[in-house]
PDB file of N, CA and C in Angstrom:
ATOM      1  N   MET A   1     -43.550 -74.267   1.312  1.00  0.00           N
ATOM      2  CA  MET A   1     -43.254 -73.490   0.123  1.00  0.00           C
ATOM      3  C   MET A   1     -42.490 -74.383  -0.867  1.00  0.00           C
ATOM      4  N   SER A   2     -42.926 -74.309  -2.100  1.00  0.00           N
ATOM      5  CA  SER A   2     -42.311 -75.151  -3.132  1.00  0.00           C
ATOM      6  C   SER A   2     -40.967 -74.572  -3.540  1.00  0.00           C
ATOM      7  N   PRO A   3     -40.146 -75.427  -4.147  1.00  0.00           N
ATOM      8  CA  PRO A   3     -38.805 -74.973  -4.599  1.00  0.00           C
ATOM      9  C   PRO A   3     -38.925 -73.795  -5.590  1.00  0.00           C
ATOM     10  N   ALA A   4     -39.936 -73.804  -6.414  1.00  0.00           N
ATOM     11  CA  ALA A   4     -40.117 -72.717  -7.374  1.00  0.00           C
ATOM     12  C   ALA A   4     -40.441 -71.405  -6.659  1.00  0.00           C
ATOM     13  N   GLN A   5     -41.281 -71.490  -5.615  1.00  0.00           N
ATOM     14  CA  GLN A   5     -41.605 -70.288  -4.843  1.00  0.00           C
ATOM     15  C   GLN A   5     -40.404 -69.766  -4.089  1.00  0.00           C
ATOM     16  N   GLN A   6     -39.577 -70.711  -3.575  1.00  0.00           N
ATOM     17  CA  GLN A   6     -38.337 -70.306  -2.889  1.00  0.00           C
ATOM     18  C   GLN A   6     -37.366 -69.610  -3.854  1.00  0.00           C
ATOM     19  N   ALA A   7     -37.275 -70.164  -5.045  1.00  0.00           N
ATOM     20  CA  ALA A   7     -36.406 -69.542  -6.056  1.00  0.00           C
ATOM     21  C   ALA A   7     -36.921 -68.149  -6.421  1.00  0.00           C
ATOM     22  N   ASN A   8     -38.229 -68.025  -6.585  1.00  0.00           N
ATOM     23  CA  ASN A   8     -38.794 -66.711  -6.890  1.00  0.00           C
ATOM     24  C   ASN A   8     -38.559 -65.711  -5.760  1.00  0.00           C
ATOM     25  N   ALA A   9     -38.696 -66.178  -4.527  1.00  0.00           N
ATOM     26  CA  ALA A   9     -38.441 -65.304  -3.374  1.00  0.00           C
ATOM     27  C   ALA A   9     -36.985 -64.856  -3.350  1.00  0.00           C
ATOM     28  N   ARG A  10     -36.049 -65.791  -3.653  1.00  0.00           N
ATOM     29  CA  ARG A  10     -34.621 -65.426  -3.703  1.00  0.00           C
ATOM     30  C   ARG A  10     -34.373 -64.382  -4.802  1.00  0.00           C
ATOM     31  N   HIS A  11     -35.015 -64.610  -5.944  1.00  0.00           N
ATOM     32  CA  HIS A  11     -34.831 -63.677  -7.066  1.00  0.00           C
ATOM     33  C   HIS A  11     -35.398 -62.273  -6.689  1.00  0.00           C
ATOM     34  N   ILE A  12     -36.519 -62.262  -6.042  1.00  0.00           N
ATOM     35  CA  ILE A  12     -37.106 -60.981  -5.624  1.00  0.00           C
ATOM     36  C   ILE A  12     -36.200 -60.286  -4.593  1.00  0.00           C
ATOM     37  N   ASP A  13     -35.657 -61.042  -3.662  1.00  0.00           N
ATOM     38  CA  ASP A  13     -34.744 -60.468  -2.669  1.00  0.00           C
ATOM     39  C   ASP A  13     -33.503 -59.934  -3.374  1.00  0.00           C
ATOM     40  N   GLN A  14     -32.967 -60.691  -4.299  1.00  0.00           N
ATOM     41  CA  GLN A  14     -31.778 -60.259  -5.024  1.00  0.00           C
ATOM     42  C   GLN A  14     -32.097 -59.012  -5.860  1.00  0.00           C
ATOM     43  N   ALA A  15     -33.269 -58.964  -6.462  1.00  0.00           N
ATOM     44  CA  ALA A  15     -33.659 -57.785  -7.253  1.00  0.00           C
ATOM     45  C   ALA A  15     -33.798 -56.570  -6.360  1.00  0.00           C
ATOM     46  N   ARG A  16     -34.357 -56.708  -5.159  1.00  0.00           N
ATOM     47  CA  ARG A  16     -34.450 -55.594  -4.198  1.00  0.00           C
ATOM     48  C   ARG A  16     -33.073 -55.096  -3.816  1.00  0.00           C
ATOM     49  N   GLU A  17     -32.180 -56.038  -3.584  1.00  0.00           N
ATOM     50  CA  GLU A  17     -30.819 -55.662  -3.193  1.00  0.00           C
ATOM     51  C   GLU A  17     -30.111 -54.926  -4.360  1.00  0.00           C
ATOM     52  N   ASN A  18     -30.293 -55.439  -5.564  1.00  0.00           N
ATOM     53  CA  ASN A  18     -29.686 -54.767  -6.712  1.00  0.00           C
ATOM     54  C   ASN A  18     -30.285 -53.383  -6.948  1.00  0.00           C
ATOM     55  N   LEU A  19     -31.596 -53.283  -6.734  1.00  0.00           N
ATOM     56  CA  LEU A  19     -32.263 -51.972  -6.856  1.00  0.00           C
ATOM     57  C   LEU A  19     -31.736 -50.979  -5.838  1.00  0.00           C
ATOM     58  N   GLY A  20     -31.527 -51.415  -4.609  1.00  0.00           N
ATOM     59  CA  GLY A  20     -30.984 -50.535  -3.591  1.00  0.00           C
ATOM     60  C   GLY A  20     -29.593 -50.063  -3.919  1.00  0.00           C
ATOM     61  N   GLU A  21     -28.776 -50.997  -4.466  1.00  0.00           N
ATOM     62  CA  GLU A  21     -27.418 -50.617  -4.876  1.00  0.00           C
ATOM     63  C   GLU A  21     -27.466 -49.626  -6.042  1.00  0.00           C
ATOM     64  N   ALA A  22     -28.366 -49.862  -6.958  1.00  0.00           N
ATOM     65  CA  ALA A  22     -28.475 -48.949  -8.116  1.00  0.00           C
ATOM     66  C   ALA A  22     -28.928 -47.583  -7.662  1.00  0.00           C
ATOM     67  N   ARG A  23     -29.866 -47.556  -6.693  1.00  0.00           N
ATOM     68  CA  ARG A  23     -30.346 -46.284  -6.172  1.00  0.00           C
ATOM     69  C   ARG A  23     -29.201 -45.516  -5.517  1.00  0.00           C
ATOM     70  N   GLU A  24     -28.391 -46.196  -4.737  1.00  0.00           N
ATOM     71  CA  GLU A  24     -27.237 -45.544  -4.076  1.00  0.00           C
ATOM     72  C   GLU A  24     -26.239 -45.033  -5.086  1.00  0.00           C
ATOM     73  N   ALA A  25     -25.962 -45.849  -6.119  1.00  0.00           N
ATOM     74  CA  ALA A  25     -25.012 -45.411  -7.154  1.00  0.00           C
ATOM     75  C   ALA A  25     -25.535 -44.215  -7.903  1.00  0.00           C
ATOM     76  N   LEU A  26     -26.827 -44.203  -8.195  1.00  0.00           N
ATOM     77  CA  LEU A  26     -27.430 -43.069  -8.885  1.00  0.00           C
ATOM     78  C   LEU A  26     -27.372 -41.806  -8.037  1.00  0.00           C
ATOM     79  N   LYS A  27     -27.708 -41.957  -6.762  1.00  0.00           N
ATOM     80  CA  LYS A  27     -27.645 -40.802  -5.850  1.00  0.00           C
ATOM     81  C   LYS A  27     -26.229 -40.267  -5.752  1.00  0.00           C
ATOM     82  N   SER A  28     -25.267 -41.149  -5.690  1.00  0.00           N
ATOM     83  CA  SER A  28     -23.853 -40.737  -5.617  1.00  0.00           C
ATOM     84  C   SER A  28     -23.465 -40.007  -6.891  1.00  0.00           C
ATOM     85  N   GLY A  29     -23.879 -40.540  -8.031  1.00  0.00           N
ATOM     86  CA  GLY A  29     -23.560 -39.895  -9.317  1.00  0.00           C
ATOM     87  C   GLY A  29     -24.199 -38.522  -9.429  1.00  0.00           C
ATOM     88  N   VAL A  30     -25.424 -38.369  -8.978  1.00  0.00           N
ATOM     89  CA  VAL A  30     -26.101 -37.069  -9.027  1.00  0.00           C
ATOM     90  C   VAL A  30     -25.372 -36.082  -8.099  1.00  0.00           C
ATOM     91  N   ASP A  31     -24.995 -36.542  -6.936  1.00  0.00           N
ATOM     92  CA  ASP A  31     -24.289 -35.685  -6.001  1.00  0.00           C
ATOM     93  C   ASP A  31     -22.962 -35.194  -6.579  1.00  0.00           C
ATOM     94  N   GLU A  32     -22.233 -36.116  -7.216  1.00  0.00           N
ATOM     95  CA  GLU A  32     -20.973 -35.762  -7.854  1.00  0.00           C
ATOM     96  C   GLU A  32     -21.174 -34.765  -8.987  1.00  0.00           C
ATOM     97  N   ALA A  33     -22.237 -34.990  -9.784  1.00  0.00           N
ATOM     98  CA  ALA A  33     -22.515 -34.063 -10.879  1.00  0.00           C
ATOM     99  C   ALA A  33     -22.885 -32.673 -10.380  1.00  0.00           C
ATOM    100  N   LEU A  34     -23.644 -32.623  -9.299  1.00  0.00           N
ATOM    101  CA  LEU A  34     -23.998 -31.328  -8.737  1.00  0.00           C
ATOM    102  C   LEU A  34     -22.767 -30.596  -8.201  1.00  0.00           C
ATOM    103  N   GLU A  35     -21.896 -31.315  -7.546  1.00  0.00           N
ATOM    104  CA  GLU A  35     -20.661 -30.698  -7.035  1.00  0.00           C
ATOM    105  C   GLU A  35     -19.784 -30.216  -8.169  1.00  0.00           C
ATOM    106  N   ALA A  36     -19.672 -31.018  -9.232  1.00  0.00           N
ATOM    107  CA  ALA A  36     -18.874 -30.579 -10.378  1.00  0.00           C
ATOM    108  C   ALA A  36     -19.454 -29.355 -11.064  1.00  0.00           C
ATOM    109  N   GLY A  37     -20.772 -29.330 -11.174  1.00  0.00           N
ATOM    110  CA  GLY A  37     -21.446 -28.162 -11.753  1.00  0.00           C
ATOM    111  C   GLY A  37     -21.245 -26.909 -10.940  1.00  0.00           C
ATOM    112  N   ALA A  38     -21.345 -27.065  -9.615  1.00  0.00           N
ATOM    113  CA  ALA A  38     -21.116 -25.903  -8.737  1.00  0.00           C
ATOM    114  C   ALA A  38     -19.690 -25.405  -8.852  1.00  0.00           C
ATOM    115  N   ALA A  39     -18.748 -26.328  -8.915  1.00  0.00           N
ATOM    116  CA  ALA A  39     -17.340 -25.925  -9.036  1.00  0.00           C
ATOM    117  C   ALA A  39     -17.092 -25.205 -10.373  1.00  0.00           C
ATOM    118  N   ALA A  40     -17.667 -25.716 -11.429  1.00  0.00           N
ATOM    119  CA  ALA A  40     -17.503 -25.098 -12.732  1.00  0.00           C
ATOM    120  C   ALA A  40     -18.137 -23.719 -12.750  1.00  0.00           C
ATOM    121  N   ALA A  41     -19.297 -23.573 -12.157  1.00  0.00           N
ATOM    122  CA  ALA A  41     -19.956 -22.242 -12.090  1.00  0.00           C
ATOM    123  C   ALA A  41     -19.146 -21.264 -11.298  1.00  0.00           C
ATOM    124  N   SER A  42     -18.536 -21.722 -10.226  1.00  0.00           N
ATOM    125  CA  SER A  42     -17.673 -20.862  -9.387  1.00  0.00           C
ATOM    126  C   SER A  42     -16.470 -20.398 -10.182  1.00  0.00           C
ATOM    127  N   GLU A  43     -15.829 -21.315 -10.901  1.00  0.00           N
ATOM    128  CA  GLU A  43     -14.669 -20.944 -11.725  1.00  0.00           C
ATOM    129  C   GLU A  43     -15.064 -19.973 -12.817  1.00  0.00           C
ATOM    130  N   ALA A  44     -16.187 -20.197 -13.441  1.00  0.00           N
ATOM    131  CA  ALA A  44     -16.661 -19.309 -14.510  1.00  0.00           C
ATOM    132  C   ALA A  44     -16.939 -17.921 -13.939  1.00  0.00           C
ATOM    133  N   ARG A  45     -17.558 -17.867 -12.769  1.00  0.00           N
ATOM    134  CA  ARG A  45     -17.861 -16.598 -12.139  1.00  0.00           C
ATOM    135  C   ARG A  45     -16.589 -15.823 -11.839  1.00  0.00           C
ATOM    136  N   ALA A  46     -15.586 -16.516 -11.320  1.00  0.00           N
ATOM    137  CA  ALA A  46     -14.311 -15.893 -11.008  1.00  0.00           C
ATOM    138  C   ALA A  46     -13.659 -15.324 -12.260  1.00  0.00           C
ATOM    139  N   GLU A  47     -13.683 -16.119 -13.361  1.00  0.00           N
ATOM    140  CA  GLU A  47     -13.064 -15.668 -14.594  1.00  0.00           C
ATOM    141  C   GLU A  47     -13.820 -14.456 -15.206  1.00  0.00           C
ATOM    142  N   ILE A  48     -15.131 -14.499 -15.131  1.00  0.00           N
ATOM    143  CA  ILE A  48     -15.932 -13.391 -15.651  1.00  0.00           C
ATOM    144  C   ILE A  48     -15.646 -12.133 -14.830  1.00  0.00           C
ATOM    145  N   ASN A  49     -15.580 -12.256 -13.534  1.00  0.00           N
ATOM    146  CA  ASN A  49     -15.301 -11.114 -12.677  1.00  0.00           C
ATOM    147  C   ASN A  49     -13.907 -10.534 -13.006  1.00  0.00           C
ATOM    148  N   GLU A  50     -12.946 -11.407 -13.282  1.00  0.00           N
ATOM    149  CA  GLU A  50     -11.610 -10.949 -13.583  1.00  0.00           C
ATOM    150  C   GLU A  50     -11.629 -10.178 -14.936  1.00  0.00           C
ATOM    151  N   GLN A  51     -12.310 -10.734 -15.939  1.00  0.00           N
ATOM    152  CA  GLN A  51     -12.395 -10.084 -17.218  1.00  0.00           C
ATOM    153  C   GLN A  51     -13.149  -8.744 -17.116  1.00  0.00           C
ATOM    154  N   LEU A  52     -14.228  -8.723 -16.321  1.00  0.00           N
ATOM    155  CA  LEU A  52     -14.985  -7.498 -16.147  1.00  0.00           C
ATOM    156  C   LEU A  52     -14.138  -6.437 -15.482  1.00  0.00           C
ATOM    157  N   GLU A  53     -13.347  -6.817 -14.511  1.00  0.00           N
ATOM    158  CA  GLU A  53     -12.485  -5.827 -13.856  1.00  0.00           C
ATOM    159  C   GLU A  53     -11.456  -5.280 -14.840  1.00  0.00           C
ATOM    160  N   GLY A  54     -10.929  -6.125 -15.707  1.00  0.00           N
ATOM    161  CA  GLY A  54      -9.982  -5.665 -16.741  1.00  0.00           C
ATOM    162  C   GLY A  54     -10.665  -4.698 -17.692  1.00  0.00           C
ATOM    163  N   LEU A  55     -11.898  -4.992 -18.102  1.00  0.00           N
ATOM    164  CA  LEU A  55     -12.611  -4.084 -19.010  1.00  0.00           C
ATOM    165  C   LEU A  55     -12.928  -2.771 -18.323  1.00  0.00           C
ATOM    166  N   MET A  56     -13.292  -2.839 -17.050  1.00  0.00           N
ATOM    167  CA  MET A  56     -13.569  -1.606 -16.303  1.00  0.00           C
ATOM    168  C   MET A  56     -12.308  -0.736 -16.219  1.00  0.00           C
ATOM    169  N   GLU A  57     -11.181  -1.341 -15.986  1.00  0.00           N
ATOM    170  CA  GLU A  57      -9.913  -0.622 -15.904  1.00  0.00           C
ATOM    171  C   GLU A  57      -9.572   0.005 -17.259  1.00  0.00           C
ATOM    172  N   GLN A  58      -9.834  -0.752 -18.337  1.00  0.00           N
ATOM    173  CA  GLN A  58      -9.568  -0.262 -19.674  1.00  0.00           C
ATOM    174  C   GLN A  58     -10.486   0.957 -19.946  1.00  0.00           C
ATOM    175  N   GLY A  59     -11.750   0.856 -19.543  1.00  0.00           N
ATOM    176  CA  GLY A  59     -12.672   1.984 -19.743  1.00  0.00           C
ATOM    177  C   GLY A  59     -12.252   3.204 -18.949  1.00  0.00           C
ATOM    178  N   ARG A  60     -11.778   3.007 -17.747  1.00  0.00           N
ATOM    179  CA  ARG A  60     -11.299   4.143 -16.932  1.00  0.00           C
ATOM    180  C   ARG A  60     -10.097   4.830 -17.630  1.00  0.00           C
ATOM    181  N   GLY A  61      -9.235   3.983 -18.209  1.00  0.00           N
ATOM    182  CA  GLY A  61      -8.077   4.536 -18.912  1.00  0.00           C
ATOM    183  C   GLY A  61      -8.510   5.351 -20.119  1.00  0.00           C
ATOM    184  N   MET A  62      -9.509   4.872 -20.847  1.00  0.00           N
ATOM    185  CA  MET A  62      -9.987   5.591 -22.019  1.00  0.00           C
ATOM    186  C   MET A  62     -10.659   6.921 -21.608  1.00  0.00           C
ATOM    187  N   LEU A  63     -11.372   6.913 -20.499  1.00  0.00           N
ATOM    188  CA  LEU A  63     -11.977   8.135 -19.983  1.00  0.00           C
ATOM    189  C   LEU A  63     -10.892   9.154 -19.601  1.00  0.00           C
ATOM    190  N   ASN A  64      -9.868   8.659 -18.953  1.00  0.00           N
ATOM    191  CA  ASN A  64      -8.734   9.547 -18.587  1.00  0.00           C
ATOM    192  C   ASN A  64      -8.114  10.170 -19.842  1.00  0.00           C
ATOM    193  N   GLN A  65      -7.927   9.349 -20.871  1.00  0.00           N
ATOM    194  CA  GLN A  65      -7.326   9.864 -22.116  1.00  0.00           C
ATOM    195  C   GLN A  65      -8.232  10.899 -22.743  1.00  0.00           C
ATOM    196  N   ALA A  66      -9.562  10.661 -22.727  1.00  0.00           N
ATOM    197  CA  ALA A  66     -10.506  11.616 -23.306  1.00  0.00           C
ATOM    198  C   ALA A  66     -10.475  12.930 -22.500  1.00  0.00           C
ATOM    199  N   GLU A  67     -10.406  12.826 -21.187  1.00  0.00           N
ATOM    200  CA  GLU A  67     -10.360  14.035 -20.380  1.00  0.00           C
ATOM    201  C   GLU A  67      -9.081  14.826 -20.681  1.00  0.00           C
ATOM    202  N   ASP A  68      -7.958  14.127 -20.815  1.00  0.00           N
ATOM    203  CA  ASP A  68      -6.710  14.820 -21.164  1.00  0.00           C
ATOM    204  C   ASP A  68      -6.776  15.485 -22.496  1.00  0.00           C
ATOM    205  N   LEU A  69      -7.391  14.833 -23.475  1.00  0.00           N
ATOM    206  CA  LEU A  69      -7.506  15.424 -24.816  1.00  0.00           C
ATOM    207  C   LEU A  69      -8.422  16.644 -24.759  1.00  0.00           C
ATOM    208  N   ILE A  70      -9.532  16.565 -24.040  1.00  0.00           N
ATOM    209  CA  ILE A  70     -10.433  17.716 -23.967  1.00  0.00           C
ATOM    210  C   ILE A  70      -9.768  18.882 -23.260  1.00  0.00           C
ATOM    211  N   ARG A  71      -9.016  18.601 -22.226  1.00  0.00           N
ATOM    212  CA  ARG A  71      -8.273  19.693 -21.513  1.00  0.00           C
ATOM    213  C   ARG A  71      -7.215  20.315 -22.393  1.00  0.00           C
ATOM    214  N   SER A  72      -6.527  19.507 -23.196  1.00  0.00           N
ATOM    215  CA  SER A  72      -5.433  20.032 -23.998  1.00  0.00           C
ATOM    216  C   SER A  72      -5.968  20.788 -25.273  1.00  0.00           C
ATOM    217  N   LYS A  73      -7.160  20.391 -25.792  1.00  0.00           N
ATOM    218  CA  LYS A  73      -7.711  21.048 -26.988  1.00  0.00           C
ATOM    219  C   LYS A  73      -9.222  21.283 -26.784  1.00  0.00           C
ATOM    220  N   PRO A  74      -9.578  22.272 -25.969  1.00  0.00           N
ATOM    221  CA  PRO A  74     -10.989  22.457 -25.638  1.00  0.00           C
ATOM    222  C   PRO A  74     -11.822  22.922 -26.864  1.00  0.00           C
ATOM    223  N   LEU A  75     -11.294  23.809 -27.690  1.00  0.00           N
ATOM    224  CA  LEU A  75     -12.099  24.297 -28.828  1.00  0.00           C
ATOM    225  C   LEU A  75     -12.330  23.224 -29.854  1.00  0.00           C
ATOM    226  N   ALA A  76     -11.322  22.401 -30.133  1.00  0.00           N
ATOM    227  CA  ALA A  76     -11.497  21.309 -31.082  1.00  0.00           C
ATOM    228  C   ALA A  76     -12.503  20.289 -30.552  1.00  0.00           C
ATOM    229  N   SER A  77     -12.416  20.024 -29.261  1.00  0.00           N
ATOM    230  CA  SER A  77     -13.343  19.086 -28.624  1.00  0.00           C
ATOM    231  C   SER A  77     -14.765  19.602 -28.716  1.00  0.00           C
ATOM    232  N   PHE A  78     -14.940  20.897 -28.453  1.00  0.00           N
ATOM    233  CA  PHE A  78     -16.292  21.470 -28.564  1.00  0.00           C
ATOM    234  C   PHE A  78     -16.795  21.370 -29.971  1.00  0.00           C
ATOM    235  N   GLY A  79     -15.950  21.668 -30.969  1.00  0.00           N
ATOM    236  CA  GLY A  79     -16.357  21.582 -32.371  1.00  0.00           C
ATOM    237  C   GLY A  79     -16.753  20.154 -32.764  1.00  0.00           C
ATOM    238  N   VAL A  80     -16.014  19.148 -32.332  1.00  0.00           N
ATOM    239  CA  VAL A  80     -16.339  17.772 -32.642  1.00  0.00           C
ATOM    240  C   VAL A  80     -17.640  17.375 -31.986  1.00  0.00           C
ATOM    241  N   ALA A  81     -17.847  17.756 -30.738  1.00  0.00           N
ATOM    242  CA  ALA A  81     -19.061  17.451 -30.012  1.00  0.00           C
ATOM    243  C   ALA A  81     -20.257  18.108 -30.687  1.00  0.00           C
ATOM    244  N   PHE A  82     -20.091  19.356 -31.100  1.00  0.00           N
ATOM    245  CA  PHE A  82     -21.182  20.053 -31.781  1.00  0.00           C
ATOM    246  C   PHE A  82     -21.523  19.393 -33.117  1.00  0.00           C
ATOM    247  N   ALA A  83     -20.510  19.032 -33.891  1.00  0.00           N
ATOM    248  CA  ALA A  83     -20.740  18.386 -35.176  1.00  0.00           C
ATOM    249  C   ALA A  83     -21.419  17.020 -34.971  1.00  0.00           C
ATOM    250  N   ALA A  84     -21.023  16.272 -33.996  1.00  0.00           N
ATOM    251  CA  ALA A  84     -21.622  14.958 -33.712  1.00  0.00           C
ATOM    252  C   ALA A  84     -23.108  15.143 -33.328  1.00  0.00           C
ATOM    253  N   GLY A  85     -23.369  16.114 -32.447  1.00  0.00           N
ATOM    254  CA  GLY A  85     -24.765  16.390 -32.070  1.00  0.00           C
ATOM    255  C   GLY A  85     -25.612  16.798 -33.250  1.00  0.00           C
ATOM    256  N   TYR A  86     -25.057  17.633 -34.105  1.00  0.00           N
ATOM    257  CA  TYR A  86     -25.789  18.091 -35.274  1.00  0.00           C
ATOM    258  C   TYR A  86     -26.094  16.907 -36.216  1.00  0.00           C
ATOM    259  N   LEU A  87     -25.122  16.047 -36.402  1.00  0.00           N
ATOM    260  CA  LEU A  87     -25.275  14.884 -37.259  1.00  0.00           C
ATOM    261  C   LEU A  87     -26.349  13.928 -36.703  1.00  0.00           C
ATOM    262  N   ILE A  88     -26.301  13.680 -35.421  1.00  0.00           N
ATOM    263  CA  ILE A  88     -27.282  12.782 -34.785  1.00  0.00           C
ATOM    264  C   ILE A  88     -28.700  13.394 -34.896  1.00  0.00           C
ATOM    265  N   ALA A  89     -28.778  14.692 -34.670  1.00  0.00           N
ATOM    266  CA  ALA A  89     -30.081  15.370 -34.789  1.00  0.00           C
ATOM    267  C   ALA A  89     -30.601  15.283 -36.204  1.00  0.00           C
ATOM    268  N   ALA A  90     -29.731  15.505 -37.179  1.00  0.00           N
ATOM    269  CA  ALA A  90     -30.145  15.451 -38.581  1.00  0.00           C
ATOM    270  C   ALA A  90     -30.606  14.031 -38.986  1.00  0.00           C
ATOM    271  N   LEU A  91     -29.918  13.060 -38.500  1.00  0.00           N
ATOM    272  CA  LEU A  91     -30.260  11.646 -38.829  1.00  0.00           C
ATOM    273  C   LEU A  91     -31.584  11.222 -38.181  1.00  0.00           C
ATOM    274  N   THR A  92     -31.860  11.695 -36.996  1.00  0.00           N
ATOM    275  CA  THR A  92     -33.060  11.289 -36.304  1.00  0.00           C
ATOM    276  C   THR A  92     -34.301  12.075 -36.790  1.00  0.00           C
ATOM    277  N   ARG A  93     -34.084  13.234 -37.398  1.00  0.00           N
ATOM    278  CA  ARG A  93     -35.209  14.005 -37.929  1.00  0.00           C
ATOM    279  C   ARG A  93     -35.702  13.451 -39.256  1.00  0.00           C
ATOM    280  N   ARG A  94     -34.843  12.790 -39.993  1.00  0.00           N
ATOM    281  CA  ARG A  94     -35.230  12.301 -41.300  1.00  0.00           C
ATOM    282  C   ARG A  94     -36.199  11.171 -41.178  1.00  0.00           C
ATOM    283  N   LYS A  95     -37.147  11.104 -42.113  1.00  0.00           N
ATOM    284  CA  LYS A  95     -38.113  10.028 -42.077  1.00  0.00           C
ATOM    285  C   LYS A  95     -38.057   9.198 -43.280  1.00  0.00           C
TER     286      LYS A  95
END
Protein backbone atom coordinates (compact mmCIF):
# COMPACT_ATOMS: atom_id res chain seq x y z
CA MET A 1 0.00 0.00 0.00
CA SER A 2 1.37 3.38 -0.97
CA PRO A 3 1.86 6.20 1.52
CA ALA A 4 -1.00 8.11 -0.11
CA GLN A 5 -3.35 5.15 0.31
CA GLN A 6 -2.26 4.78 3.94
CA ALA A 7 -2.95 8.46 4.55
CA ASN A 8 -6.37 8.11 2.92
CA ALA A 9 -7.14 5.08 5.06
CA ARG A 10 -6.15 7.00 8.22
CA HIS A 11 -8.34 9.92 7.15
CA ILE A 12 -11.27 7.60 6.52
CA ASP A 13 -10.79 5.94 9.91
CA GLN A 14 -10.59 9.34 11.59
CA ALA A 15 -13.72 10.48 9.74
CA ARG A 16 -15.60 7.36 10.90
CA GLU A 17 -14.50 8.01 14.47
CA ASN A 18 -15.57 11.65 14.26
CA LEU A 19 -18.90 10.62 12.74
CA GLY A 20 -19.52 8.17 15.59
CA GLU A 21 -18.74 10.87 18.16
CA ALA A 22 -21.03 13.31 16.38
CA ARG A 23 -23.80 10.72 16.30
CA GLU A 24 -23.47 10.12 20.05
CA ALA A 25 -23.45 13.86 20.77
CA LEU A 26 -26.54 14.36 18.63
CA LYS A 27 -28.34 11.47 20.31
CA SER A 28 -27.45 12.87 23.73
CA GLY A 29 -28.69 16.33 22.71
CA VAL A 30 -31.98 14.94 21.42
CA ASP A 31 -32.47 12.94 24.61
CA GLU A 32 -31.83 16.04 26.73
CA ALA A 33 -34.25 18.08 24.61
CA LEU A 34 -36.95 15.44 24.98
CA GLU A 35 -36.48 15.34 28.74
CA ALA A 36 -36.61 19.13 28.98
CA GLY A 37 -39.77 19.22 26.85
CA ALA A 38 -41.44 16.59 28.99
CA ALA A 39 -40.54 18.48 32.16
CA ALA A 40 -41.87 21.75 30.74
CA ALA A 41 -45.11 20.05 29.67
CA SER A 42 -45.52 18.56 33.12
CA GLU A 43 -45.01 21.94 34.78
CA ALA A 44 -47.47 23.59 32.39
CA ARG A 45 -50.04 20.88 33.05
CA ALA A 46 -49.71 21.36 36.81
CA GLU A 47 -50.08 25.14 36.49
CA ILE A 48 -53.12 24.82 34.22
CA ASN A 49 -54.74 22.36 36.62
CA GLU A 50 -54.12 24.76 39.49
CA GLN A 51 -55.65 27.68 37.57
CA LEU A 52 -58.60 25.55 36.48
CA GLU A 53 -59.27 24.53 40.06
CA GLY A 54 -59.21 28.20 41.09
CA LEU A 55 -61.68 29.09 38.35
CA MET A 56 -63.95 26.20 39.30
CA GLU A 57 -63.93 27.37 42.92
CA GLN A 58 -64.72 30.92 41.81
CA GLY A 59 -67.62 29.61 39.69
CA ARG A 60 -68.98 27.64 42.64
CA GLY A 61 -68.83 30.79 44.75
CA MET A 62 -70.75 32.75 42.12
CA LEU A 63 -73.40 30.02 41.92
CA ASN A 64 -73.78 30.11 45.69
CA GLN A 65 -74.20 33.89 45.58
CA ALA A 66 -76.83 33.58 42.84
CA GLU A 67 -78.71 30.95 44.85
CA ASP A 68 -78.67 33.19 47.92
CA LEU A 69 -79.94 36.14 45.90
CA ILE A 70 -82.75 34.08 44.34
CA ARG A 71 -83.79 32.77 47.75
CA SER A 72 -83.77 36.23 49.31
CA LYS A 73 -85.68 37.92 46.42
CA PRO A 74 -87.67 35.29 44.50
CA LEU A 75 -90.14 37.65 42.78
CA ALA A 76 -87.43 40.01 41.53
CA SER A 77 -85.42 37.03 40.30
CA PHE A 78 -88.44 35.66 38.44
CA GLY A 79 -89.06 39.08 36.86
CA VAL A 80 -85.44 39.41 35.70
CA ALA A 81 -85.43 35.87 34.29
CA PHE A 82 -88.72 36.51 32.47
CA ALA A 83 -87.45 39.79 31.01
CA ALA A 84 -84.20 38.17 29.87
CA GLY A 85 -86.10 35.31 28.22
CA TYR A 86 -88.43 37.73 26.49
CA LEU A 87 -85.50 39.82 25.23
CA ILE A 88 -83.64 36.77 23.90
CA ALA A 89 -86.79 35.49 22.20
CA ALA A 90 -87.41 38.91 20.61
CA LEU A 91 -83.83 39.15 19.35
CA THR A 92 -83.84 35.67 17.85
CA ARG A 93 -87.19 36.18 16.09
CA ARG A 94 -86.02 39.26 14.21
CA LYS A 95 -84.66 38.75 10.74
